[in-house]
C-alpha cells in the first residue's frame, strides 16, 4: 500500500500515512491480545535528514506573520 501511495502521491505522503497507521495500530494493540502491529522499523519513506528544513524565517518575516 505504501509503495502505491509513494508512486502516486510522493514519499512524504507515504510517510504521513505510515505515521497515522502507526498511531492507530499502537492504539489498537493493547486492546486485543492476539493483534500484532505490521509496522516495523525501517518502513519509513523519508529519512529525517531529508526532512530537515534548510531555511529559517528572519526577524522581519516573523514580525509580518
PDB file of N, CA and C in Angstrom:
ATOM      1  N   UNK A   1       0.822  -1.178   0.000  1.00  0.00           N
ATOM      2  CA  UNK A   1       0.000   0.000   0.000  1.00  0.00           C
ATOM      3  C   UNK A   1       0.875   1.253   0.000  1.00  0.00           C
ATOM      4  N   UNK A   2       1.902   1.281   0.854  1.00  0.00           N
ATOM      5  CA  UNK A   2       2.750   2.459   0.932  1.00  0.00           C
ATOM      6  C   UNK A   2       3.522   2.673  -0.363  1.00  0.00           C
ATOM      7  N   UNK A   3       3.896   1.595  -1.040  1.00  0.00           N
ATOM      8  CA  UNK A   3       4.584   1.737  -2.325  1.00  0.00           C
ATOM      9  C   UNK A   3       3.680   2.434  -3.341  1.00  0.00           C
ATOM     10  N   UNK A   4       2.418   2.052  -3.367  1.00  0.00           N
ATOM     11  CA  UNK A   4       1.463   2.677  -4.282  1.00  0.00           C
ATOM     12  C   UNK A   4       1.251   4.147  -3.965  1.00  0.00           C
ATOM     13  N   UNK A   5       1.145   4.466  -2.681  1.00  0.00           N
ATOM     14  CA  UNK A   5       0.978   5.867  -2.275  1.00  0.00           C
ATOM     15  C   UNK A   5       2.215   6.663  -2.664  1.00  0.00           C
ATOM     16  N   UNK A   6       3.382   6.087  -2.425  1.00  0.00           N
ATOM     17  CA  UNK A   6       4.620   6.790  -2.772  1.00  0.00           C
ATOM     18  C   UNK A   6       4.709   7.029  -4.272  1.00  0.00           C
ATOM     19  N   UNK A   7       4.310   6.048  -5.055  1.00  0.00           N
ATOM     20  CA  UNK A   7       4.374   6.169  -6.508  1.00  0.00           C
ATOM     21  C   UNK A   7       3.410   7.233  -7.022  1.00  0.00           C
ATOM     22  N   UNK A   8       2.208   7.280  -6.464  1.00  0.00           N
ATOM     23  CA  UNK A   8       1.188   8.205  -6.964  1.00  0.00           C
ATOM     24  C   UNK A   8       1.252   9.581  -6.308  1.00  0.00           C
ATOM     25  N   UNK A   9       1.564   9.633  -5.012  1.00  0.00           N
ATOM     26  CA  UNK A   9       1.463  10.888  -4.274  1.00  0.00           C
ATOM     27  C   UNK A   9       2.793  11.421  -3.763  1.00  0.00           C
ATOM     28  N   UNK A  10       3.807  10.587  -3.701  1.00  0.00           N
ATOM     29  CA  UNK A  10       5.115  11.033  -3.233  1.00  0.00           C
ATOM     30  C   UNK A  10       5.502  10.421  -1.899  1.00  0.00           C
ATOM     31  N   UNK A  11       6.781  10.524  -1.594  1.00  0.00           N
ATOM     32  CA  UNK A  11       7.335   9.898  -0.393  1.00  0.00           C
ATOM     33  C   UNK A  11       6.807  10.539   0.889  1.00  0.00           C
ATOM     34  N   UNK A  12       6.626  11.839   0.889  1.00  0.00           N
ATOM     35  CA  UNK A  12       6.153  12.500   2.112  1.00  0.00           C
ATOM     36  C   UNK A  12       4.722  12.086   2.462  1.00  0.00           C
ATOM     37  N   UNK A  13       3.885  11.916   1.475  1.00  0.00           N
ATOM     38  CA  UNK A  13       2.521  11.457   1.738  1.00  0.00           C
ATOM     39  C   UNK A  13       2.536  10.034   2.267  1.00  0.00           C
ATOM     40  N   UNK A  14       3.384   9.190   1.705  1.00  0.00           N
ATOM     41  CA  UNK A  14       3.515   7.817   2.200  1.00  0.00           C
ATOM     42  C   UNK A  14       4.031   7.820   3.631  1.00  0.00           C
ATOM     43  N   UNK A  15       4.963   8.721   3.943  1.00  0.00           N
ATOM     44  CA  UNK A  15       5.499   8.820   5.302  1.00  0.00           C
ATOM     45  C   UNK A  15       4.395   9.255   6.280  1.00  0.00           C
ATOM     46  N   UNK A  16       3.572  10.210   5.881  1.00  0.00           N
ATOM     47  CA  UNK A  16       2.469  10.664   6.737  1.00  0.00           C
ATOM     48  C   UNK A  16       1.456   9.547   6.953  1.00  0.00           C
ATOM     49  N   UNK A  17       1.156   8.817   5.906  1.00  0.00           N
ATOM     50  CA  UNK A  17       0.237   7.692   6.016  1.00  0.00           C
ATOM     51  C   UNK A  17       0.776   6.651   6.982  1.00  0.00           C
ATOM     52  N   UNK A  18       2.052   6.353   6.872  1.00  0.00           N
ATOM     53  CA  UNK A  18       2.689   5.396   7.777  1.00  0.00           C
ATOM     54  C   UNK A  18       2.597   5.874   9.222  1.00  0.00           C
ATOM     55  N   UNK A  19       2.801   7.164   9.443  1.00  0.00           N
ATOM     56  CA  UNK A  19       2.728   7.714  10.798  1.00  0.00           C
ATOM     57  C   UNK A  19       1.317   7.573  11.369  1.00  0.00           C
ATOM     58  N   UNK A  20       0.295   7.887  10.580  1.00  0.00           N
ATOM     59  CA  UNK A  20      -1.087   7.741  11.043  1.00  0.00           C
ATOM     60  C   UNK A  20      -1.435   6.287  11.324  1.00  0.00           C
ATOM     61  N   UNK A  21      -1.026   5.392  10.429  1.00  0.00           N
ATOM     62  CA  UNK A  21      -1.291   3.969  10.647  1.00  0.00           C
ATOM     63  C   UNK A  21      -0.596   3.468  11.910  1.00  0.00           C
ATOM     64  N   UNK A  22       0.609   3.921  12.137  1.00  0.00           N
ATOM     65  CA  UNK A  22       1.340   3.521  13.327  1.00  0.00           C
ATOM     66  C   UNK A  22       0.605   3.935  14.596  1.00  0.00           C
ATOM     67  N   UNK A  23       0.070   5.144  14.603  1.00  0.00           N
ATOM     68  CA  UNK A  23      -0.703   5.620  15.759  1.00  0.00           C
ATOM     69  C   UNK A  23      -1.925   4.736  15.985  1.00  0.00           C
ATOM     70  N   UNK A  24      -2.636   4.425  14.915  1.00  0.00           N
ATOM     71  CA  UNK A  24      -3.842   3.598  15.034  1.00  0.00           C
ATOM     72  C   UNK A  24      -3.489   2.197  15.536  1.00  0.00           C
ATOM     73  N   UNK A  25      -2.467   1.591  14.952  1.00  0.00           N
ATOM     74  CA  UNK A  25      -2.077   0.245  15.368  1.00  0.00           C
ATOM     75  C   UNK A  25      -1.581   0.226  16.810  1.00  0.00           C
ATOM     76  N   UNK A  26      -0.824   1.243  17.198  1.00  0.00           N
ATOM     77  CA  UNK A  26      -0.340   1.307  18.586  1.00  0.00           C
ATOM     78  C   UNK A  26      -1.486   1.525  19.565  1.00  0.00           C
ATOM     79  N   UNK A  27      -2.529   2.207  19.145  1.00  0.00           N
ATOM     80  CA  UNK A  27      -3.710   2.379  19.992  1.00  0.00           C
ATOM     81  C   UNK A  27      -4.470   1.053  20.115  1.00  0.00           C
ATOM     82  N   UNK A  28      -4.588   0.340  19.015  1.00  0.00           N
ATOM     83  CA  UNK A  28      -5.386  -0.887  18.968  1.00  0.00           C
ATOM     84  C   UNK A  28      -4.698  -2.074  19.657  1.00  0.00           C
ATOM     85  N   UNK A  29      -3.380  -2.165  19.555  1.00  0.00           N
ATOM     86  CA  UNK A  29      -2.633  -3.327  20.033  1.00  0.00           C
ATOM     87  C   UNK A  29      -2.884  -3.688  21.498  1.00  0.00           C
ATOM     88  N   UNK A  30      -2.870  -2.749  22.442  1.00  0.00           N
ATOM     89  CA  UNK A  30      -3.079  -3.155  23.837  1.00  0.00           C
ATOM     90  C   UNK A  30      -4.510  -3.602  24.141  1.00  0.00           C
ATOM     91  N   UNK A  31      -5.418  -3.335  23.245  1.00  0.00           N
ATOM     92  CA  UNK A  31      -6.823  -3.682  23.464  1.00  0.00           C
ATOM     93  C   UNK A  31      -7.164  -5.102  23.010  1.00  0.00           C
ATOM     94  N   UNK A  32      -6.262  -5.718  22.237  1.00  0.00           N
ATOM     95  CA  UNK A  32      -6.511  -7.066  21.719  1.00  0.00           C
ATOM     96  C   UNK A  32      -5.248  -7.905  21.856  1.00  0.00           C
ATOM     97  N   UNK A  33      -5.361  -8.994  22.569  1.00  0.00           N
ATOM     98  CA  UNK A  33      -4.203  -9.826  22.882  1.00  0.00           C
ATOM     99  C   UNK A  33      -3.539 -10.452  21.665  1.00  0.00           C
ATOM    100  N   UNK A  34      -4.307 -10.793  20.652  1.00  0.00           N
ATOM    101  CA  UNK A  34      -3.742 -11.513  19.518  1.00  0.00           C
ATOM    102  C   UNK A  34      -3.256 -10.594  18.401  1.00  0.00           C
ATOM    103  N   UNK A  35      -3.513  -9.305  18.515  1.00  0.00           N
ATOM    104  CA  UNK A  35      -3.113  -8.379  17.457  1.00  0.00           C
ATOM    105  C   UNK A  35      -1.630  -8.061  17.559  1.00  0.00           C
ATOM    106  N   UNK A  36      -0.974  -8.069  16.410  1.00  0.00           N
ATOM    107  CA  UNK A  36       0.430  -7.685  16.342  1.00  0.00           C
ATOM    108  C   UNK A  36       0.579  -6.664  15.210  1.00  0.00           C
ATOM    109  N   UNK A  37       1.122  -5.517  15.531  1.00  0.00           N
ATOM    110  CA  UNK A  37       1.229  -4.436  14.552  1.00  0.00           C
ATOM    111  C   UNK A  37       2.120  -4.835  13.382  1.00  0.00           C
ATOM    112  N   UNK A  38       1.675  -4.554  12.167  1.00  0.00           N
ATOM    113  CA  UNK A  38       2.500  -4.864  10.993  1.00  0.00           C
ATOM    114  C   UNK A  38       3.577  -3.807  10.726  1.00  0.00           C
ATOM    115  N   UNK A  39       3.588  -2.743  11.501  1.00  0.00           N
ATOM    116  CA  UNK A  39       4.576  -1.684  11.322  1.00  0.00           C
ATOM    117  C   UNK A  39       5.889  -2.110  11.990  1.00  0.00           C
ATOM    118  N   UNK A  40       6.977  -2.058  11.227  1.00  0.00           N
ATOM    119  CA  UNK A  40       8.299  -2.418  11.745  1.00  0.00           C
ATOM    120  C   UNK A  40       9.290  -1.299  11.434  1.00  0.00           C
ATOM    121  N   UNK A  41      10.402  -1.307  12.165  1.00  0.00           N
ATOM    122  CA  UNK A  41      11.448  -0.313  11.909  1.00  0.00           C
ATOM    123  C   UNK A  41      11.929  -0.401  10.472  1.00  0.00           C
ATOM    124  N   UNK A  42      12.243   0.734   9.911  1.00  0.00           N
ATOM    125  CA  UNK A  42      12.783   0.756   8.556  1.00  0.00           C
ATOM    126  C   UNK A  42      11.748   0.914   7.469  1.00  0.00           C
ATOM    127  N   UNK A  43      10.485   1.034   7.845  1.00  0.00           N
ATOM    128  CA  UNK A  43       9.433   1.187   6.839  1.00  0.00           C
ATOM    129  C   UNK A  43       9.298   2.632   6.358  1.00  0.00           C
ATOM    130  N   UNK A  44       9.947   3.543   7.042  1.00  0.00           N
ATOM    131  CA  UNK A  44       9.840   4.955   6.696  1.00  0.00           C
ATOM    132  C   UNK A  44      10.298   5.234   5.278  1.00  0.00           C
ATOM    133  N   UNK A  45       9.687   6.211   4.656  1.00  0.00           N
ATOM    134  CA  UNK A  45       9.996   6.554   3.267  1.00  0.00           C
ATOM    135  C   UNK A  45      10.956   7.728   3.145  1.00  0.00           C
ATOM    136  N   UNK A  46      10.986   8.584   4.147  1.00  0.00           N
ATOM    137  CA  UNK A  46      11.824   9.781   4.096  1.00  0.00           C
ATOM    138  C   UNK A  46      12.725   9.782   5.315  1.00  0.00           C
ATOM    139  N   UNK A  47      14.006   9.921   5.094  1.00  0.00           N
ATOM    140  CA  UNK A  47      14.957   9.965   6.202  1.00  0.00           C
ATOM    141  C   UNK A  47      14.846  11.318   6.911  1.00  0.00           C
ATOM    142  N   UNK A  48      15.029  11.341   8.229  1.00  0.00           N
ATOM    143  CA  UNK A  48      14.894  12.608   8.971  1.00  0.00           C
ATOM    144  C   UNK A  48      15.778  13.725   8.429  1.00  0.00           C
ATOM    145  N   UNK A  49      16.983  13.420   7.977  1.00  0.00           N
ATOM    146  CA  UNK A  49      17.857  14.462   7.433  1.00  0.00           C
ATOM    147  C   UNK A  49      17.288  15.052   6.148  1.00  0.00           C
ATOM    148  N   UNK A  50      16.559  14.261   5.382  1.00  0.00           N
ATOM    149  CA  UNK A  50      15.941  14.767   4.157  1.00  0.00           C
ATOM    150  C   UNK A  50      14.766  15.686   4.474  1.00  0.00           C
ATOM    151  N   UNK A  51      14.148  15.486   5.635  1.00  0.00           N
ATOM    152  CA  UNK A  51      13.015  16.303   6.039  1.00  0.00           C
ATOM    153  C   UNK A  51      13.443  17.593   6.722  1.00  0.00           C
ATOM    154  N   UNK A  52      14.710  17.685   7.106  1.00  0.00           N
ATOM    155  CA  UNK A  52      15.197  18.855   7.837  1.00  0.00           C
ATOM    156  C   UNK A  52      15.053  20.104   6.980  1.00  0.00           C
ATOM    157  N   UNK A  53      14.663  21.173   7.626  1.00  0.00           N
ATOM    158  CA  UNK A  53      14.480  22.435   6.909  1.00  0.00           C
ATOM    159  C   UNK A  53      15.834  23.086   6.672  1.00  0.00           C
ATOM    160  N   UNK A  54      15.949  23.737   5.536  1.00  0.00           N
ATOM    161  CA  UNK A  54      17.192  24.408   5.205  1.00  0.00           C
ATOM    162  C   UNK A  54      17.067  25.921   5.364  1.00  0.00           C
ATOM    163  N   UNK A  55      15.867  26.407   5.550  1.00  0.00           N
ATOM    164  CA  UNK A  55      15.634  27.838   5.642  1.00  0.00           C
ATOM    165  C   UNK A  55      14.979  28.169   6.966  1.00  0.00           C
ATOM    166  N   UNK A  56      15.337  29.314   7.514  1.00  0.00           N
ATOM    167  CA  UNK A  56      14.763  29.790   8.764  1.00  0.00           C
ATOM    168  C   UNK A  56      14.207  31.183   8.516  1.00  0.00           C
ATOM    169  N   UNK A  57      13.052  31.478   9.089  1.00  0.00           N
ATOM    170  CA  UNK A  57      12.483  32.814   8.930  1.00  0.00           C
ATOM    171  C   UNK A  57      13.361  33.845   9.628  1.00  0.00           C
ATOM    172  N   UNK A  58      13.532  34.989   8.966  1.00  0.00           N
ATOM    173  CA  UNK A  58      14.273  36.054   9.633  1.00  0.00           C
ATOM    174  C   UNK A  58      13.318  36.869  10.503  1.00  0.00           C
ATOM    175  N   UNK A  59      13.867  37.818  11.245  1.00  0.00           N
ATOM    176  CA  UNK A  59      13.058  38.594  12.200  1.00  0.00           C
ATOM    177  C   UNK A  59      11.910  39.331  11.527  1.00  0.00           C
ATOM    178  N   UNK A  60      12.163  39.917  10.355  1.00  0.00           N
ATOM    179  CA  UNK A  60      11.109  40.662   9.669  1.00  0.00           C
ATOM    180  C   UNK A  60       9.978  39.738   9.225  1.00  0.00           C
ATOM    181  N   UNK A  61      10.292  38.575   8.733  1.00  0.00           N
ATOM    182  CA  UNK A  61       9.261  37.619   8.329  1.00  0.00           C
ATOM    183  C   UNK A  61       8.422  37.174   9.522  1.00  0.00           C
ATOM    184  N   UNK A  62       9.050  37.008  10.652  1.00  0.00           N
ATOM    185  CA  UNK A  62       8.310  36.627  11.866  1.00  0.00           C
ATOM    186  C   UNK A  62       7.380  37.757  12.279  1.00  0.00           C
ATOM    187  N   UNK A  63       7.874  38.998  12.219  1.00  0.00           N
ATOM    188  CA  UNK A  63       7.011  40.141  12.553  1.00  0.00           C
ATOM    189  C   UNK A  63       5.837  40.239  11.589  1.00  0.00           C
ATOM    190  N   UNK A  64       6.065  39.959  10.306  1.00  0.00           N
ATOM    191  CA  UNK A  64       4.991  40.015   9.299  1.00  0.00           C
ATOM    192  C   UNK A  64       3.896  39.000   9.590  1.00  0.00           C
ATOM    193  N   UNK A  65       4.291  37.874  10.127  1.00  0.00           N
ATOM    194  CA  UNK A  65       3.292  36.857  10.471  1.00  0.00           C
ATOM    195  C   UNK A  65       2.501  37.300  11.662  1.00  0.00           C
TER     196      UNK A  65
END
